[in-house]
Amino acid sequence: MTQTAAQPLPRERKCPLDPPHEYERLRADTPVRPLAFPNGSTGWLVSRYADVTAALVNPALSSERRFNNSPVATVQLTEEERKEAGLAASFIGMDPPDHTHYRRMLTGQFTVRRMKSLTPRIDQIVDEHLDAMQAAGPPADLVSQFALPIPSLVICELLGVPYADREQFQHRTSVLLRLDRSKEELLEATRGLRAYMLDLIARKRRQPDDGLISGLIEAEELTDEELLGISNLLLVAGHETTANMIGLGTLALLTHRDQWETVRDQPDTIERAVEEMLRYLSIIQFGLPRTAKADTEVGGQLIRKDETVVLSVASANRDADHFADAADFDVTRDAIRHVAFGYGIHQCLGQQLARMEMRTAFAKLTTRFPDLQLAVAAEEVPMRSDMAIYGVHKLPVTW
């Protein structure tokens, strides 16, 4: 492979629904390319589906966040600050056997039976928010009135977090995900989330309920620090990711009117439609970081011990070598092999819940508002290019 100079992560998008156009060239010419990080260090960017999936199951590549290299954010926390904030205890940044231990523990809480039992409540929550939209009349912001409150309410009820506290964790989560936050803002947000969750855990120990946090307290001998890492991860990821998929997915459907009409007129397409949105609109826009624990190879490139590798799931999901007509948005496509939820042992634990919420949200939205349309020009929709999780800040719609 021809050695090239390290370059920053691709960020420029020709179309807001597409990954940066540079990925297409990288997949063809330099699928494992030297990557320049904002802190001056270098690593590797992986863009092909086959290489990304192989790397995600490579035991020589660690998920531990000890090196804390972000390909885009200039402000980072030290390891001590991460521990103080309760972020270091999150099992998403662990390797086996620690990851296996916590994953098995949580799998017992995210059972298929428990997820299915949520269906009537998800139906009710979606209906209530559509009713409120209808009553308020057009125009509406689909993000604040629909996409964000639905997964926020669901994850709060699942965990046992008071929904009345949503402004606290939604604001602090937003700060965590902003790329332009200062060190002071980041520390304030992480410390606030830590204090809030530790207080909630103390209350659950005194007065348990039927939520998942109480279930973990009852079923496992976990310290407050362990519960903090697990609970904050589930709370933050449980509402931010699905909310942005609903908002961005609606934008994709409204700007591809034939696809909106297919979902609206052919209800049996909803499962495939959701999988296609997950593939086409990967919201993990800056990739998944891994660090080499030993010398290893990715896509024919030697990766040295301690080097950081960034795996672009957004690029992998548009790889034409794996998905026919990968650049096309087709809600009838069989897209189940996408990597929007990751791959291997670190696949998203809450993916079935996210699918349930998205299927219900889009099925009911297209039925209740069959003529929904954007209330502004598509190019005026504010995109979350400034956030770690991609999506739309607002989505003005009318009917």
Protein backbone atom coordinates (compact mmCIF):
# COMPACT_ATOMS: atom_id res chain seq x y z
CA MET A 1 0.00 0.00 0.00
CA THR A 2 1.35 3.43 -0.89
CA GLN A 3 2.06 5.49 2.21
CA THR A 4 0.22 8.84 2.30
CA ALA A 5 0.47 11.78 4.68
CA ALA A 6 -1.83 11.84 7.69
CA GLN A 7 -4.96 13.92 7.06
CA PRO A 8 -7.77 15.04 9.40
CA LEU A 9 -11.03 13.10 9.47
CA PRO A 10 -13.26 13.91 6.45
CA ARG A 11 -15.97 16.38 7.52
CA GLU A 12 -17.27 18.12 4.35
CA ARG A 13 -20.65 16.87 3.11
CA LYS A 14 -22.00 17.62 -0.36
CA CYS A 15 -25.44 16.47 0.80
CA PRO A 16 -26.49 16.56 4.48
CA LEU A 17 -27.89 13.01 4.24
CA ASP A 18 -24.66 11.56 2.84
CA PRO A 19 -21.35 10.91 4.60
CA PRO A 20 -18.46 13.15 3.50
CA HIS A 21 -17.87 12.50 -0.19
CA GLU A 22 -14.16 11.81 0.41
CA TYR A 23 -15.02 8.39 1.83
CA GLU A 24 -15.95 7.11 -1.62
CA ARG A 25 -12.43 7.85 -2.85
CA LEU A 26 -10.85 6.43 0.29
CA ARG A 27 -12.71 3.12 -0.04
CA ALA A 28 -11.37 2.79 -3.58
CA ASP A 29 -7.82 4.13 -3.16
CA THR A 30 -6.72 4.22 0.50
CA PRO A 31 -9.10 2.17 2.65
CA VAL A 32 -6.73 2.32 5.64
CA ARG A 33 -5.36 5.86 5.62
CA PRO A 34 -3.07 7.70 8.07
CA LEU A 35 -5.24 9.93 10.26
CA ALA A 36 -4.24 13.20 11.93
CA PHE A 37 -5.84 13.91 15.30
CA PRO A 38 -6.50 17.45 16.63
CA ASN A 39 -4.01 16.88 19.49
CA GLY A 40 -1.17 16.36 17.01
CA SER A 41 -0.98 12.58 17.21
CA THR A 42 -1.62 10.25 14.29
CA GLY A 43 -3.48 6.98 13.78
CA TRP A 44 -5.47 5.25 11.07
CA LEU A 45 -8.88 5.70 9.42
CA VAL A 46 -10.65 2.56 8.14
CA SER A 47 -13.43 3.03 5.58
CA ARG A 48 -14.35 -0.31 3.89
CA TYR A 49 -17.12 -2.54 5.24
CA ALA A 50 -14.99 -5.70 5.21
CA ASP A 51 -12.13 -4.00 7.07
CA VAL A 52 -14.39 -2.25 9.59
CA THR A 53 -16.20 -5.46 10.54
CA ALA A 54 -12.94 -7.42 10.71
CA ALA A 55 -11.43 -4.77 12.98
CA LEU A 56 -14.48 -4.77 15.26
CA VAL A 57 -13.90 -8.45 16.07
CA ASN A 58 -10.09 -8.24 16.19
CA PRO A 59 -9.04 -9.02 19.80
CA ALA A 60 -5.81 -7.07 19.30
CA LEU A 61 -7.82 -3.84 19.02
CA SER A 62 -8.96 -2.51 22.39
CA SER A 63 -12.12 -0.58 23.19
CA GLU A 64 -10.57 0.95 26.29
CA ARG A 65 -10.67 4.75 26.31
CA ARG A 66 -7.39 5.16 28.20
CA PHE A 67 -5.72 6.89 25.26
CA ASN A 68 -8.71 9.20 24.84
CA ASN A 69 -8.02 10.23 21.24
CA SER A 70 -10.90 11.99 19.52
CA PRO A 71 -10.63 12.47 15.74
CA VAL A 72 -12.52 15.77 15.93
CA ALA A 73 -12.90 17.22 19.45
CA THR A 74 -10.09 19.53 20.56
CA VAL A 75 -11.04 19.50 24.25
CA GLN A 76 -10.54 16.20 26.06
CA LEU A 77 -10.57 15.03 29.65
CA THR A 78 -7.61 13.43 31.37
CA GLU A 79 -7.96 9.90 32.69
CA GLU A 80 -8.29 11.28 36.22
CA GLU A 81 -11.03 13.68 35.13
CA ARG A 82 -12.84 10.86 33.33
CA LYS A 83 -12.76 8.76 36.50
CA GLU A 84 -13.97 11.69 38.56
CA ALA A 85 -16.87 12.17 36.14
CA GLY A 86 -17.82 8.50 36.28
CA LEU A 87 -17.12 8.00 32.56
CA ALA A 88 -14.24 5.58 33.03
CA ALA A 89 -16.56 2.96 34.57
CA SER A 90 -18.66 2.61 31.41
CA PHE A 91 -18.48 -0.93 30.04
CA ILE A 92 -18.59 0.39 26.45
CA GLY A 93 -14.91 1.22 26.94
CA MET A 94 -13.91 -2.15 28.38
CA ASP A 95 -12.49 -5.34 26.92
CA PRO A 96 -13.16 -8.93 27.98
CA PRO A 97 -13.35 -10.26 30.61
CA ASP A 98 -14.67 -7.06 32.27
CA HIS A 99 -16.85 -6.21 29.28
CA THR A 100 -18.20 -9.77 29.19
CA HIS A 101 -19.15 -9.56 32.87
CA TYR A 102 -21.15 -6.34 32.54
CA ARG A 103 -22.61 -7.24 29.16
CA ARG A 104 -23.97 -10.53 30.49
CA MET A 105 -25.40 -8.72 33.49
CA LEU A 106 -27.26 -6.19 31.34
CA THR A 107 -28.43 -8.76 28.81
CA GLY A 108 -30.40 -10.25 31.68
CA GLN A 109 -32.20 -6.92 32.04
CA PHE A 110 -32.73 -6.31 28.28
CA THR A 111 -34.60 -9.54 27.67
CA VAL A 112 -36.77 -10.02 24.59
CA ARG A 113 -39.74 -10.51 26.88
CA ARG A 114 -39.10 -7.21 28.67
CA MET A 115 -38.66 -5.34 25.40
CA LYS A 116 -41.90 -6.80 23.98
CA SER A 117 -43.73 -5.83 27.14
CA LEU A 118 -42.92 -2.19 26.36
CA THR A 119 -44.81 -2.27 23.05
CA PRO A 120 -48.21 -1.07 24.37
CA ARG A 121 -46.57 1.77 26.28
CA ILE A 122 -44.49 2.85 23.26
CA ASP A 123 -47.69 2.84 21.18
CA GLN A 124 -49.37 5.03 23.77
CA ILE A 125 -46.47 7.47 24.03
CA VAL A 126 -46.27 7.90 20.25
CA ASP A 127 -50.04 8.38 19.96
CA GLU A 128 -50.05 10.99 22.73
CA HIS A 129 -47.35 13.06 21.05
CA LEU A 130 -49.04 12.84 17.66
CA ASP A 131 -52.30 13.91 19.31
CA ALA A 132 -50.52 16.91 20.84
CA MET A 133 -49.00 17.84 17.49
CA GLN A 134 -52.38 17.63 15.81
CA ALA A 135 -54.04 19.73 18.51
CA ALA A 136 -51.36 22.43 18.39
CA GLY A 137 -51.61 22.61 14.61
CA PRO A 138 -48.97 23.35 12.02
CA PRO A 139 -46.17 24.23 11.78
CA ALA A 140 -44.38 22.01 14.27
CA ASP A 141 -40.80 21.19 15.19
CA LEU A 142 -40.71 17.43 14.81
CA VAL A 143 -37.59 17.18 17.00
CA SER A 144 -38.85 18.90 20.14
CA GLN A 145 -42.46 17.75 19.76
CA PHE A 146 -41.92 14.16 18.64
CA ALA A 147 -38.45 12.76 17.96
CA LEU A 148 -36.79 13.73 21.25
CA PRO A 149 -39.55 13.21 23.84
CA ILE A 150 -40.51 9.69 22.72
CA PRO A 151 -37.19 7.89 23.38
CA SER A 152 -36.52 10.15 26.37
CA LEU A 153 -39.77 9.10 28.02
CA VAL A 154 -39.28 5.43 27.13
CA ILE A 155 -35.73 5.23 28.53
CA CYS A 156 -36.75 7.14 31.66
CA GLU A 157 -39.56 4.70 32.36
CA LEU A 158 -37.33 1.71 31.57
CA LEU A 159 -34.56 2.85 33.92
CA GLY A 160 -36.76 4.39 36.59
CA VAL A 161 -35.54 7.95 35.98
CA PRO A 162 -38.13 10.70 36.67
CA TYR A 163 -39.10 12.21 33.30
CA ALA A 164 -39.55 15.54 35.08
CA ASP A 165 -35.75 15.64 35.35
CA ARG A 166 -35.27 15.45 31.56
CA GLU A 167 -34.05 19.01 31.12
CA GLN A 168 -31.13 18.27 33.44
CA PHE A 169 -29.82 15.26 31.58
CA GLN A 170 -30.79 16.44 28.08
CA HIS A 171 -28.88 19.71 28.49
CA ARG A 172 -25.81 18.05 29.99
CA THR A 173 -25.84 15.34 27.33
CA SER A 174 -25.95 18.04 24.66
CA VAL A 175 -22.83 19.63 26.16
CA LEU A 176 -21.04 16.26 26.16
CA LEU A 177 -21.78 15.79 22.46
CA ARG A 178 -20.96 19.33 21.30
CA LEU A 179 -17.65 19.60 19.48
CA ASP A 180 -17.04 23.23 20.49
CA ARG A 181 -17.54 22.89 24.24
CA SER A 182 -14.88 24.32 26.52
CA LYS A 183 -13.05 22.29 29.15
CA GLU A 184 -15.03 24.08 31.84
CA GLU A 185 -18.37 23.32 30.16
CA LEU A 186 -17.41 19.68 29.70
CA LEU A 187 -16.38 19.26 33.34
CA GLU A 188 -19.52 21.02 34.56
CA ALA A 189 -21.72 18.72 32.47
CA THR A 190 -19.96 15.49 33.49
CA ARG A 191 -19.90 16.44 37.17
CA GLY A 192 -23.57 17.40 37.00
CA LEU A 193 -24.53 14.07 35.45
CA ARG A 194 -22.47 12.25 38.05
CA ALA A 195 -24.07 14.09 40.99
CA TYR A 196 -27.56 13.61 39.59
CA MET A 197 -27.14 9.89 38.97
CA LEU A 198 -25.45 9.17 42.32
CA ASP A 199 -28.35 10.89 44.09
CA LEU A 200 -30.84 8.84 42.07
CA ILE A 201 -28.98 5.60 42.85
CA ALA A 202 -29.09 6.43 46.57
CA ARG A 203 -32.85 6.96 46.31
CA LYS A 204 -33.27 3.63 44.47
CA ARG A 205 -31.34 1.82 47.20
CA ARG A 206 -33.72 3.27 49.79
CA GLN A 207 -36.93 2.95 47.74
CA PRO A 208 -36.59 0.45 44.88
CA ASP A 209 -39.11 0.37 42.03
CA ASP A 210 -39.59 -1.87 38.98
CA GLY A 211 -37.10 0.10 36.83
CA LEU A 212 -33.87 -1.31 35.46
CA ILE A 213 -31.61 0.58 37.90
CA SER A 214 -33.45 -0.95 40.85
CA GLY A 215 -33.32 -4.31 39.10
CA LEU A 216 -29.54 -4.10 38.86
CA ILE A 217 -29.27 -3.10 42.52
CA GLU A 218 -31.39 -6.07 43.54
CA ALA A 219 -29.84 -8.65 41.21
CA GLU A 220 -26.15 -7.70 41.40
CA GLU A 221 -23.69 -6.59 44.04
CA LEU A 222 -22.65 -3.42 42.26
CA THR A 223 -20.89 -0.40 43.73
CA ASP A 224 -22.30 3.07 43.20
CA GLU A 225 -19.47 3.75 40.73
CA GLU A 226 -20.40 0.70 38.66
CA LEU A 227 -24.07 1.64 38.69
CA LEU A 228 -23.13 5.20 37.75
CA GLY A 229 -21.21 4.11 34.65
CA ILE A 230 -23.95 1.75 33.49
CA SER A 231 -26.88 4.07 34.21
CA ASN A 232 -25.38 7.18 32.61
CA LEU A 233 -24.45 5.22 29.48
CA LEU A 234 -27.97 3.81 29.11
CA LEU A 235 -29.63 7.15 29.84
CA VAL A 236 -27.50 9.18 27.44
CA ALA A 237 -27.36 6.65 24.61
CA GLY A 238 -30.97 5.59 25.14
CA HIS A 239 -32.46 8.93 24.16
CA GLU A 240 -29.88 10.73 22.00
CA THR A 241 -29.35 8.07 19.36
CA THR A 242 -32.96 7.11 18.71
CA ALA A 243 -34.14 10.72 18.83
CA ASN A 244 -31.69 11.68 16.11
CA MET A 245 -32.56 8.65 13.99
CA ILE A 246 -36.24 9.62 14.09
CA GLY A 247 -35.52 13.25 13.19
CA LEU A 248 -32.98 12.45 10.46
CA GLY A 249 -35.07 9.56 9.14
CA THR A 250 -38.07 11.84 8.75
CA LEU A 251 -35.96 14.34 6.81
CA ALA A 252 -34.77 11.54 4.51
CA LEU A 253 -38.33 10.37 3.87
CA LEU A 254 -39.67 13.88 3.26
CA THR A 255 -36.91 14.65 0.77
CA HIS A 256 -37.42 11.30 -0.98
CA ARG A 257 -41.18 11.56 -1.44
CA ASP A 258 -41.52 8.21 -3.18
CA GLN A 259 -39.98 6.52 -0.12
CA TRP A 260 -42.36 8.38 2.23
CA GLU A 261 -45.29 7.17 0.14
CA THR A 262 -44.01 3.58 0.18
CA VAL A 263 -43.83 3.55 3.98
CA ARG A 264 -47.22 5.29 4.21
CA ASP A 265 -49.04 3.09 1.69
CA GLN A 266 -47.32 -0.26 2.36
CA PRO A 267 -47.25 -0.83 6.14
CA ASP A 268 -45.53 -4.19 5.70
CA THR A 269 -42.37 -2.36 4.57
CA ILE A 270 -41.78 -0.70 7.97
CA GLU A 271 -39.16 -3.17 9.23
CA ARG A 272 -37.07 -2.91 6.07
CA ALA A 273 -37.57 0.85 6.01
CA VAL A 274 -36.13 1.21 9.51
CA GLU A 275 -33.12 -0.97 8.66
CA GLU A 276 -32.50 1.09 5.51
CA MET A 277 -32.64 4.34 7.49
CA LEU A 278 -30.14 2.91 9.97
CA ARG A 279 -27.82 1.98 7.09
CA TYR A 280 -28.26 5.08 4.98
CA LEU A 281 -28.14 7.60 7.84
CA SER A 282 -25.46 6.32 10.22
CA ILE A 283 -25.49 8.90 13.01
CA ILE A 284 -22.12 7.83 14.45
CA GLN A 285 -20.57 10.29 12.04
CA PHE A 286 -16.98 10.27 13.33
CA GLY A 287 -16.46 6.54 13.72
CA LEU A 288 -15.63 4.09 16.48
CA PRO A 289 -12.17 4.35 18.08
CA ARG A 290 -9.97 1.34 18.87
CA THR A 291 -6.40 1.13 20.15
CA ALA A 292 -3.94 -1.61 19.27
CA LYS A 293 -2.87 -3.71 22.26
CA ALA A 294 -0.24 -5.37 20.08
CA ASP A 295 0.98 -5.13 16.51
CA THR A 296 -1.82 -6.26 14.21
CA GLU A 297 -3.06 -5.89 10.64
CA VAL A 298 -6.16 -4.16 9.31
CA GLY A 299 -6.93 -4.22 5.60
CA GLY A 300 -3.36 -5.19 4.77
CA GLN A 301 -1.91 -2.30 6.80
CA LEU A 302 0.33 -2.95 9.81
CA ILE A 303 -1.02 -1.23 12.92
CA ARG A 304 1.60 -0.80 15.64
CA LYS A 305 0.96 -1.33 19.34
CA ASP A 306 -0.67 1.75 20.98
CA GLU A 307 -1.75 3.26 17.64
CA THR A 308 -5.35 4.44 17.43
CA VAL A 309 -7.69 3.22 14.69
CA VAL A 310 -10.96 4.98 13.81
CA LEU A 311 -13.53 2.72 12.14
CA SER A 312 -16.01 4.63 9.97
CA VAL A 313 -19.38 2.88 10.20
CA ALA A 314 -20.93 5.64 8.07
CA SER A 315 -18.51 4.84 5.24
CA ALA A 316 -18.88 1.07 5.73
CA ASN A 317 -22.66 1.38 5.41
CA ARG A 318 -22.24 3.06 2.00
CA ASP A 319 -19.71 0.52 0.66
CA ALA A 320 -20.88 -0.54 -2.82
CA ASP A 321 -18.82 -3.73 -2.53
CA HIS A 322 -21.24 -4.85 0.17
CA PHE A 323 -24.53 -3.06 -0.60
CA ALA A 324 -25.80 -2.91 -4.18
CA ASP A 325 -26.56 0.67 -5.23
CA ALA A 326 -25.27 1.76 -1.83
CA ALA A 327 -25.79 5.47 -2.53
CA ASP A 328 -29.54 4.96 -3.11
CA PHE A 329 -32.13 5.32 -0.37
CA ASP A 330 -34.47 2.36 -0.84
CA VAL A 331 -36.87 1.46 2.00
CA THR A 332 -37.63 -1.91 0.39
CA ARG A 333 -33.95 -2.96 0.52
CA ASP A 334 -32.76 -5.87 2.67
CA ALA A 335 -30.22 -3.88 4.70
CA ILE A 336 -29.99 -6.05 7.81
CA ARG A 337 -26.23 -6.48 7.56
CA HIS A 338 -25.51 -2.80 8.24
CA VAL A 339 -23.18 -1.77 11.06
CA ALA A 340 -25.16 1.17 12.44
CA PHE A 341 -25.29 -0.66 15.80
CA GLY A 342 -21.68 -1.80 15.55
CA TYR A 343 -20.54 -5.38 15.09
CA GLY A 344 -19.26 -8.18 17.29
CA ILE A 345 -19.26 -8.18 21.08
CA HIS A 346 -19.80 -4.42 21.35
CA GLN A 347 -23.00 -4.28 19.30
CA CYS A 348 -25.50 -1.84 20.81
CA LEU A 349 -27.28 -3.49 23.72
CA GLY A 350 -30.43 -1.44 23.20
CA GLN A 351 -30.77 -1.99 19.45
CA GLN A 352 -34.04 -3.92 19.68
CA LEU A 353 -35.59 -1.17 21.78
CA ALA A 354 -34.42 1.43 19.24
CA ARG A 355 -35.94 -0.60 16.41
CA MET A 356 -39.26 -0.89 18.26
CA GLU A 357 -39.39 2.86 18.85
CA MET A 358 -38.48 3.71 15.25
CA ARG A 359 -40.95 1.26 13.72
CA THR A 360 -43.77 2.58 15.88
CA ALA A 361 -42.84 6.23 15.34
CA PHE A 362 -42.59 6.04 11.54
CA ALA A 363 -45.60 3.76 11.06
CA LYS A 364 -47.84 6.05 13.08
CA LEU A 365 -46.36 9.32 11.79
CA THR A 366 -46.94 8.42 8.13
CA THR A 367 -50.47 7.20 8.90
CA ARG A 368 -51.57 10.14 11.04
CA PHE A 369 -49.95 12.81 8.85
CA PRO A 370 -49.99 11.30 5.34
CA ASP A 371 -49.30 14.66 3.68
CA LEU A 372 -46.57 15.81 6.08
CA GLN A 373 -43.98 18.04 4.44
CA LEU A 374 -41.12 20.33 5.34
CA ALA A 375 -42.14 23.83 6.40
CA VAL A 376 -38.82 25.23 5.16
CA ALA A 377 -36.53 24.48 2.24
CA ALA A 378 -34.47 21.34 2.83
CA GLU A 379 -31.23 23.34 2.78
CA GLU A 380 -32.53 25.49 5.66
CA VAL A 381 -32.85 22.53 8.06
CA PRO A 382 -30.13 22.98 10.73
CA MET A 383 -27.94 19.88 10.76
CA ARG A 384 -25.96 18.56 13.73
CA SER A 385 -22.57 18.78 12.05
CA ASP A 386 -21.30 20.32 15.29
CA MET A 387 -22.27 17.28 17.41
CA ALA A 388 -20.74 13.85 17.94
CA ILE A 389 -24.14 12.30 17.17
CA TYR A 390 -25.43 13.45 13.77
CA GLY A 391 -28.99 14.47 13.07
CA VAL A 392 -31.05 17.65 12.88
CA HIS A 393 -31.27 20.34 15.55
CA LYS A 394 -34.80 21.20 14.42
CA LEU A 395 -37.15 19.88 11.75
CA PRO A 396 -39.93 22.35 10.88
CA VAL A 397 -42.87 20.48 9.33
CA THR A 398 -46.40 21.27 8.24
CA TRP A 399 -49.45 19.40 6.96
